[in-house]
């Protein structure tokens, strides 16, 4: 049986932080995010990378090009927040969102979590397949949202 073209890994040493920052700094939920903020978020989260095994990463033997990413912020007991999920546009349509979500949902550190939350503008259908649903009572949810925080002075 041939090796799969795409693999998912939780090994943070494999993450292409430049590629992650490049995507996140231009996407709708974190425009202009500083590299230092991305690095700090990665260090303090559970992370998954999706890699294309047909494309070695330049200058790194045995390391493949990163084409997707997700992270979960959690206390590993009662709450988890899924965020920064993406698959590069050139690799969309290959089922990588599902592959990534299957890996996340299989993670022992977040099994049995009472509240697993996320926000999405356009991927409701994907997340619904994994049990996510709209909040039953959104009036109970509150947040502080600083839309200026990622803007450079």
Foldseek 3Di string as FASTA:
>chain_A
DDDDQKDKDQPPVLDPLVVLCVVQCVDDPRPQADSVVSVVQSVQWRKMWMFGNVACDPPDPPHGDTFWMKTWHDPLEAEIEIDSTDGHPVPPPPCVLVVVVVVVQPDNSNPPHNYYYYDDDPPPVSVVVVPDDPDPDCVVDDDDDDPCVSDDD
